[in-house]
Amino acid sequence: MKQLDHPVEVTYRCFELDPTMGRDIKENIYEGLAKKYGMSIAQAKANTQRMVQMAKEAGLDYQMDTLILTNTFDAHRLTMYAKHKGLMKEITERILHAYFTESKHIGEHKTLTELAVEVGLNREDVEKMLASDDMSDVVRADEQTAKQYGVTGVPFFLINKKYALTGAQPTETFVQALKKVIAEDQITVLNSEDGLNCDEDGCEIPNK
């Protein structure tokens, strides 16, 4: 985005890789992947290690050995709540850091509340929201939209509801994709400048 001389708005959407997952899971990430994809623990660790290395190259510290698997529906609800408060990016980044780096249990309301307070949300309001079903419809609406677009995994980037980028892509791929979309959005004047031009002050007839 810094390489583009054009405004770009980023909006996070909700998507659960496994909506059926429970809140308290005994399996670790490697056991969960092995079970889901029918691979060995060793294969799961090898695949995960590649992701850890990619994260490291991007300046992220992923602690997969101590990561706590859990259901993320309430974390998504909190993100949608924060969106209405203008803190969507902040809470999303905080939750992801808590999950991947700090090994926090983001399925617990107590943990989510503490993270919310850290980014500037009101404790009592967040506790009340989490204890209710607020934002559930918003999360499910996002997930339904994802189905309509054929999203089956993350990351998935949709640009102007027209172009999609899937998987972890290098920066240059995003730059080129955004430049393409920006160019297509620009208005191309097909006729010459000669013609009757009108504005709020009236019309000007060009000199012939």
C-alpha atoms as a PDB file:
ATOM      1  CA  MET A   1       0.000   0.000   0.000  1.00  0.00           C
ATOM      2  CA  LYS A   2       2.939   2.329   0.693  1.00  0.00           C
ATOM      3  CA  GLN A   3       4.169   1.740  -2.855  1.00  0.00           C
ATOM      4  CA  LEU A   4       0.904   2.966  -4.370  1.00  0.00           C
ATOM      5  CA  ASP A   5       0.003   6.605  -4.775  1.00  0.00           C
ATOM      6  CA  HIS A   6      -3.647   5.768  -4.338  1.00  0.00           C
ATOM      7  CA  PRO A   7      -5.947   5.284  -1.335  1.00  0.00           C
ATOM      8  CA  VAL A   8      -6.632   1.645  -0.448  1.00  0.00           C
ATOM      9  CA  GLU A   9      -9.215   0.613   2.135  1.00  0.00           C
ATOM     10  CA  VAL A  10      -8.700  -2.705   3.919  1.00  0.00           C
ATOM     11  CA  THR A  11     -11.671  -4.494   5.478  1.00  0.00           C
ATOM     12  CA  TYR A  12     -11.397  -7.747   7.402  1.00  0.00           C
ATOM     13  CA  ARG A  13     -14.115 -10.354   6.871  1.00  0.00           C
ATOM     14  CA  CYS A  14     -15.123 -13.359   8.952  1.00  0.00           C
ATOM     15  CA  PHE A  15     -14.194 -16.913   7.955  1.00  0.00           C
ATOM     16  CA  GLU A  16     -13.862 -20.002  10.157  1.00  0.00           C
ATOM     17  CA  LEU A  17     -11.686 -22.832   8.924  1.00  0.00           C
ATOM     18  CA  ASP A  18     -13.584 -25.227  11.189  1.00  0.00           C
ATOM     19  CA  PRO A  19     -16.898 -23.879  12.557  1.00  0.00           C
ATOM     20  CA  THR A  20     -17.542 -27.217  14.306  1.00  0.00           C
ATOM     21  CA  MET A  21     -14.469 -26.985  16.536  1.00  0.00           C
ATOM     22  CA  GLY A  22     -15.106 -26.878  20.271  1.00  0.00           C
ATOM     23  CA  ARG A  23     -13.921 -24.161  22.622  1.00  0.00           C
ATOM     24  CA  ASP A  24     -11.623 -26.350  24.695  1.00  0.00           C
ATOM     25  CA  ILE A  25      -9.475 -28.658  22.573  1.00  0.00           C
ATOM     26  CA  LYS A  26      -7.037 -31.203  23.955  1.00  0.00           C
ATOM     27  CA  GLU A  27      -5.268 -31.726  20.626  1.00  0.00           C
ATOM     28  CA  ASN A  28      -2.318 -29.574  19.666  1.00  0.00           C
ATOM     29  CA  ILE A  29      -2.003 -28.005  16.222  1.00  0.00           C
ATOM     30  CA  TYR A  30       0.023 -30.904  14.818  1.00  0.00           C
ATOM     31  CA  GLU A  31      -2.462 -33.524  15.988  1.00  0.00           C
ATOM     32  CA  GLY A  32      -5.316 -31.433  14.645  1.00  0.00           C
ATOM     33  CA  LEU A  33      -3.726 -31.071  11.201  1.00  0.00           C
ATOM     34  CA  ALA A  34      -2.778 -34.744  11.051  1.00  0.00           C
ATOM     35  CA  LYS A  35      -6.344 -35.757  11.848  1.00  0.00           C
ATOM     36  CA  LYS A  36      -7.936 -33.276   9.435  1.00  0.00           C
ATOM     37  CA  TYR A  37      -5.709 -33.979   6.428  1.00  0.00           C
ATOM     38  CA  GLY A  38      -4.851 -37.623   7.047  1.00  0.00           C
ATOM     39  CA  MET A  39      -1.129 -37.028   7.441  1.00  0.00           C
ATOM     40  CA  SER A  40       1.448 -38.058  10.004  1.00  0.00           C
ATOM     41  CA  ILE A  41       2.480 -35.868  12.932  1.00  0.00           C
ATOM     42  CA  ALA A  42       5.889 -35.489  11.284  1.00  0.00           C
ATOM     43  CA  GLN A  43       4.304 -34.246   8.059  1.00  0.00           C
ATOM     44  CA  ALA A  44       2.114 -31.836   9.982  1.00  0.00           C
ATOM     45  CA  LYS A  45       5.154 -30.428  11.784  1.00  0.00           C
ATOM     46  CA  ALA A  46       7.079 -30.083   8.517  1.00  0.00           C
ATOM     47  CA  ASN A  47       4.200 -28.239   6.837  1.00  0.00           C
ATOM     48  CA  THR A  48       3.739 -25.978   9.846  1.00  0.00           C
ATOM     49  CA  GLN A  49       7.452 -25.225  10.003  1.00  0.00           C
ATOM     50  CA  ARG A  50       7.345 -23.841   6.473  1.00  0.00           C
ATOM     51  CA  MET A  51       4.624 -21.438   7.570  1.00  0.00           C
ATOM     52  CA  VAL A  52       6.644 -20.477  10.649  1.00  0.00           C
ATOM     53  CA  GLN A  53       9.626 -19.662   8.424  1.00  0.00           C
ATOM     54  CA  MET A  54       7.490 -17.540   6.094  1.00  0.00           C
ATOM     55  CA  ALA A  55       6.115 -15.694   9.109  1.00  0.00           C
ATOM     56  CA  LYS A  56       9.626 -15.093  10.407  1.00  0.00           C
ATOM     57  CA  GLU A  57      10.671 -13.595   7.078  1.00  0.00           C
ATOM     58  CA  ALA A  58       7.737 -11.190   7.405  1.00  0.00           C
ATOM     59  CA  GLY A  59       8.781 -10.226  10.922  1.00  0.00           C
ATOM     60  CA  LEU A  60       6.268 -12.422  12.744  1.00  0.00           C
ATOM     61  CA  ASP A  61       7.068 -14.819  15.590  1.00  0.00           C
ATOM     62  CA  TYR A  62       4.786 -17.874  15.390  1.00  0.00           C
ATOM     63  CA  GLN A  63       4.928 -20.204  18.411  1.00  0.00           C
ATOM     64  CA  MET A  64       3.112 -23.233  17.013  1.00  0.00           C
ATOM     65  CA  ASP A  65       4.279 -25.700  19.673  1.00  0.00           C
ATOM     66  CA  THR A  66       2.237 -23.916  22.347  1.00  0.00           C
ATOM     67  CA  LEU A  67      -0.623 -22.611  20.194  1.00  0.00           C
ATOM     68  CA  ILE A  68      -4.054 -23.307  21.725  1.00  0.00           C
ATOM     69  CA  LEU A  69      -6.662 -24.602  19.289  1.00  0.00           C
ATOM     70  CA  THR A  70     -10.157 -23.318  19.936  1.00  0.00           C
ATOM     71  CA  ASN A  71     -13.399 -22.176  18.332  1.00  0.00           C
ATOM     72  CA  THR A  72     -12.961 -18.633  16.990  1.00  0.00           C
ATOM     73  CA  PHE A  73     -16.596 -17.584  16.531  1.00  0.00           C
ATOM     74  CA  ASP A  74     -16.587 -15.265  19.556  1.00  0.00           C
ATOM     75  CA  ALA A  75     -13.278 -13.768  18.440  1.00  0.00           C
ATOM     76  CA  HIS A  76     -14.953 -12.966  15.130  1.00  0.00           C
ATOM     77  CA  ARG A  77     -17.919 -11.428  16.960  1.00  0.00           C
ATOM     78  CA  LEU A  78     -15.540  -9.219  18.920  1.00  0.00           C
ATOM     79  CA  THR A  79     -13.834  -8.147  15.706  1.00  0.00           C
ATOM     80  CA  MET A  80     -17.152  -7.138  14.167  1.00  0.00           C
ATOM     81  CA  TYR A  81     -18.054  -5.255  17.344  1.00  0.00           C
ATOM     82  CA  ALA A  82     -14.713  -3.433  17.203  1.00  0.00           C
ATOM     83  CA  LYS A  83     -15.399  -2.553  13.565  1.00  0.00           C
ATOM     84  CA  HIS A  84     -18.367  -0.450  14.663  1.00  0.00           C
ATOM     85  CA  LYS A  85     -16.085   1.318  17.138  1.00  0.00           C
ATOM     86  CA  GLY A  86     -13.426   2.075  14.545  1.00  0.00           C
ATOM     87  CA  LEU A  87     -10.945  -0.415  16.012  1.00  0.00           C
ATOM     88  CA  MET A  88     -11.258  -3.360  13.638  1.00  0.00           C
ATOM     89  CA  LYS A  89      -7.614  -3.378  12.520  1.00  0.00           C
ATOM     90  CA  GLU A  90      -6.350  -2.949  16.071  1.00  0.00           C
ATOM     91  CA  ILE A  91      -8.353  -5.816  17.579  1.00  0.00           C
ATOM     92  CA  THR A  92      -7.640  -8.119  14.639  1.00  0.00           C
ATOM     93  CA  GLU A  93      -3.893  -7.588  14.950  1.00  0.00           C
ATOM     94  CA  ARG A  94      -4.078  -8.011  18.727  1.00  0.00           C
ATOM     95  CA  ILE A  95      -6.053 -11.259  18.536  1.00  0.00           C
ATOM     96  CA  LEU A  96      -3.744 -12.743  15.898  1.00  0.00           C
ATOM     97  CA  HIS A  97      -0.658 -11.839  17.957  1.00  0.00           C
ATOM     98  CA  ALA A  98      -2.232 -13.310  21.078  1.00  0.00           C
ATOM     99  CA  TYR A  99      -3.068 -16.525  19.238  1.00  0.00           C
ATOM    100  CA  PHE A 100       0.038 -17.171  17.173  1.00  0.00           C
ATOM    101  CA  THR A 101       2.757 -15.594  19.316  1.00  0.00           C
ATOM    102  CA  GLU A 102       1.555 -15.437  22.919  1.00  0.00           C
ATOM    103  CA  SER A 103      -0.331 -18.768  22.943  1.00  0.00           C
ATOM    104  CA  LYS A 104      -3.404 -17.217  24.566  1.00  0.00           C
ATOM    105  CA  HIS A 105      -6.758 -19.006  24.649  1.00  0.00           C
ATOM    106  CA  ILE A 106      -8.785 -16.743  22.336  1.00  0.00           C
ATOM    107  CA  GLY A 107     -11.888 -18.873  22.753  1.00  0.00           C
ATOM    108  CA  GLU A 108     -12.299 -17.675  26.347  1.00  0.00           C
ATOM    109  CA  HIS A 109     -14.369 -14.570  26.979  1.00  0.00           C
ATOM    110  CA  LYS A 110     -11.968 -13.433  29.691  1.00  0.00           C
ATOM    111  CA  THR A 111      -9.044 -13.462  27.269  1.00  0.00           C
ATOM    112  CA  LEU A 112     -10.997 -11.669  24.551  1.00  0.00           C
ATOM    113  CA  THR A 113     -12.147  -9.019  27.022  1.00  0.00           C
ATOM    114  CA  GLU A 114      -8.599  -8.304  28.153  1.00  0.00           C
ATOM    115  CA  LEU A 115      -7.425  -7.983  24.538  1.00  0.00           C
ATOM    116  CA  ALA A 116     -10.344  -5.669  23.785  1.00  0.00           C
ATOM    117  CA  VAL A 117      -9.514  -3.397  26.699  1.00  0.00           C
ATOM    118  CA  GLU A 118      -5.890  -3.237  25.543  1.00  0.00           C
ATOM    119  CA  VAL A 119      -6.916  -1.704  22.197  1.00  0.00           C
ATOM    120  CA  GLY A 120      -9.285   0.809  23.803  1.00  0.00           C
ATOM    121  CA  LEU A 121     -12.681  -0.881  23.984  1.00  0.00           C
ATOM    122  CA  ASN A 122     -14.888  -0.568  27.071  1.00  0.00           C
ATOM    123  CA  ARG A 123     -14.623  -3.598  29.367  1.00  0.00           C
ATOM    124  CA  GLU A 124     -18.256  -3.708  30.499  1.00  0.00           C
ATOM    125  CA  ASP A 125     -19.596  -3.225  26.975  1.00  0.00           C
ATOM    126  CA  VAL A 126     -17.410  -6.031  25.634  1.00  0.00           C
ATOM    127  CA  GLU A 127     -18.381  -8.380  28.459  1.00  0.00           C
ATOM    128  CA  LYS A 128     -22.059  -7.660  27.795  1.00  0.00           C
ATOM    129  CA  MET A 129     -21.631  -8.215  24.066  1.00  0.00           C
ATOM    130  CA  LEU A 130     -19.806 -11.513  24.481  1.00  0.00           C
ATOM    131  CA  ALA A 131     -22.396 -12.785  26.956  1.00  0.00           C
ATOM    132  CA  SER A 132     -25.117 -12.174  24.360  1.00  0.00           C
ATOM    133  CA  ASP A 133     -25.567 -13.233  20.742  1.00  0.00           C
ATOM    134  CA  ASP A 134     -24.707  -9.781  19.421  1.00  0.00           C
ATOM    135  CA  MET A 135     -22.791  -9.717  16.131  1.00  0.00           C
ATOM    136  CA  SER A 136     -23.544 -13.384  15.436  1.00  0.00           C
ATOM    137  CA  ASP A 137     -25.688 -12.514  12.430  1.00  0.00           C
ATOM    138  CA  VAL A 138     -22.964 -10.241  11.074  1.00  0.00           C
ATOM    139  CA  VAL A 139     -20.351 -12.995  11.336  1.00  0.00           C
ATOM    140  CA  ARG A 140     -22.635 -15.547   9.680  1.00  0.00           C
ATOM    141  CA  ALA A 141     -23.478 -13.087   6.907  1.00  0.00           C
ATOM    142  CA  ASP A 142     -19.764 -12.689   6.144  1.00  0.00           C
ATOM    143  CA  GLU A 143     -19.303 -16.441   6.142  1.00  0.00           C
ATOM    144  CA  GLN A 144     -22.242 -16.863   3.782  1.00  0.00           C
ATOM    145  CA  THR A 145     -20.727 -14.290   1.438  1.00  0.00           C
ATOM    146  CA  ALA A 146     -17.466 -16.232   1.545  1.00  0.00           C
ATOM    147  CA  LYS A 147     -19.317 -19.348   0.424  1.00  0.00           C
ATOM    148  CA  GLN A 148     -20.831 -17.441  -2.477  1.00  0.00           C
ATOM    149  CA  TYR A 149     -17.358 -16.384  -3.575  1.00  0.00           C
ATOM    150  CA  GLY A 150     -16.113 -19.960  -3.267  1.00  0.00           C
ATOM    151  CA  VAL A 151     -13.688 -19.246  -0.431  1.00  0.00           C
ATOM    152  CA  THR A 152     -12.376 -22.475   1.082  1.00  0.00           C
ATOM    153  CA  GLY A 153      -9.244 -21.307   2.867  1.00  0.00           C
ATOM    154  CA  VAL A 154      -7.236 -18.380   4.123  1.00  0.00           C
ATOM    155  CA  PRO A 155      -5.692 -16.029   3.371  1.00  0.00           C
ATOM    156  CA  PHE A 156      -8.098 -14.920   0.651  1.00  0.00           C
ATOM    157  CA  PHE A 157      -7.979 -11.356  -0.658  1.00  0.00           C
ATOM    158  CA  LEU A 158     -10.846  -9.924  -2.693  1.00  0.00           C
ATOM    159  CA  ILE A 159     -10.203  -6.654  -4.510  1.00  0.00           C
ATOM    160  CA  ASN A 160     -13.189  -4.533  -5.577  1.00  0.00           C
ATOM    161  CA  LYS A 161     -15.381  -7.661  -5.463  1.00  0.00           C
ATOM    162  CA  LYS A 162     -13.795  -8.672  -8.761  1.00  0.00           C
ATOM    163  CA  TYR A 163     -10.258  -9.982  -8.384  1.00  0.00           C
ATOM    164  CA  ALA A 164      -9.048 -12.544  -5.876  1.00  0.00           C
ATOM    165  CA  LEU A 165      -5.614 -13.438  -4.549  1.00  0.00           C
ATOM    166  CA  THR A 166      -5.299 -16.660  -2.589  1.00  0.00           C
ATOM    167  CA  GLY A 167      -2.584 -17.869  -0.271  1.00  0.00           C
ATOM    168  CA  ALA A 168       0.446 -16.020   1.068  1.00  0.00           C
ATOM    169  CA  GLN A 169       1.714 -13.949  -1.861  1.00  0.00           C
ATOM    170  CA  PRO A 170       4.806 -11.738  -2.205  1.00  0.00           C
ATOM    171  CA  THR A 171       4.363  -7.977  -1.909  1.00  0.00           C
ATOM    172  CA  GLU A 172       4.943  -7.420  -5.623  1.00  0.00           C
ATOM    173  CA  THR A 173       1.946  -9.598  -6.476  1.00  0.00           C
ATOM    174  CA  PHE A 174      -0.327  -7.301  -4.462  1.00  0.00           C
ATOM    175  CA  VAL A 175       1.239  -4.181  -5.943  1.00  0.00           C
ATOM    176  CA  GLN A 176       0.679  -5.385  -9.513  1.00  0.00           C
ATOM    177  CA  ALA A 177      -2.865  -6.548  -8.760  1.00  0.00           C
ATOM    178  CA  LEU A 178      -3.821  -3.243  -7.155  1.00  0.00           C
ATOM    179  CA  LYS A 179      -2.234  -1.245  -9.998  1.00  0.00           C
ATOM    180  CA  LYS A 180      -4.317  -3.259 -12.460  1.00  0.00           C
ATOM    181  CA  VAL A 181      -7.528  -2.571 -10.574  1.00  0.00           C
ATOM    182  CA  ILE A 182      -6.711   1.125 -10.148  1.00  0.00           C
ATOM    183  CA  ALA A 183      -5.994   1.477 -13.875  1.00  0.00           C
ATOM    184  CA  GLU A 184      -9.283  -0.189 -14.769  1.00  0.00           C
ATOM    185  CA  ASP A 185     -11.203   2.096 -12.423  1.00  0.00           C
ATOM    186  CA  GLN A 186      -9.879   5.249 -14.046  1.00  0.00           C
ATOM    187  CA  ILE A 187     -12.235   6.973 -16.448  1.00  0.00           C
ATOM    188  CA  THR A 188     -11.098   7.054 -20.061  1.00  0.00           C
ATOM    189  CA  VAL A 189     -12.474   9.949 -22.112  1.00  0.00           C
ATOM    190  CA  LEU A 190     -13.291   8.581 -25.556  1.00  0.00           C
ATOM    191  CA  ASN A 191     -14.154  11.818 -27.331  1.00  0.00           C
ATOM    192  CA  SER A 192     -12.020  14.934 -27.929  1.00  0.00           C
ATOM    193  CA  GLU A 193     -12.186  17.938 -25.623  1.00  0.00           C
ATOM    194  CA  ASP A 194     -14.230  19.880 -28.205  1.00  0.00           C
ATOM    195  CA  GLY A 195     -17.836  20.057 -27.147  1.00  0.00           C
ATOM    196  CA  LEU A 196     -20.320  21.867 -24.946  1.00  0.00           C
ATOM    197  CA  ASN A 197     -19.028  21.871 -21.369  1.00  0.00           C
ATOM    198  CA  CYS A 198     -21.411  22.765 -18.563  1.00  0.00           C
ATOM    199  CA  ASP A 199     -20.902  23.252 -14.846  1.00  0.00           C
ATOM    200  CA  GLU A 200     -22.747  24.977 -12.022  1.00  0.00           C
ATOM    201  CA  ASP A 201     -21.987  28.418 -13.558  1.00  0.00           C
ATOM    202  CA  GLY A 202     -23.507  27.604 -16.921  1.00  0.00           C
ATOM    203  CA  CYS A 203     -22.268  26.333 -20.278  1.00  0.00           C
ATOM    204  CA  GLU A 204     -19.232  27.266 -22.287  1.00  0.00           C
ATOM    205  CA  ILE A 205     -19.304  26.818 -26.039  1.00  0.00           C
ATOM    206  CA  PRO A 206     -15.812  25.983 -27.317  1.00  0.00           C
ATOM    207  CA  ASN A 207     -14.220  28.234 -29.937  1.00  0.00           C
ATOM    208  CA  LYS A 208     -14.104  26.741 -33.416  1.00  0.00           C
END
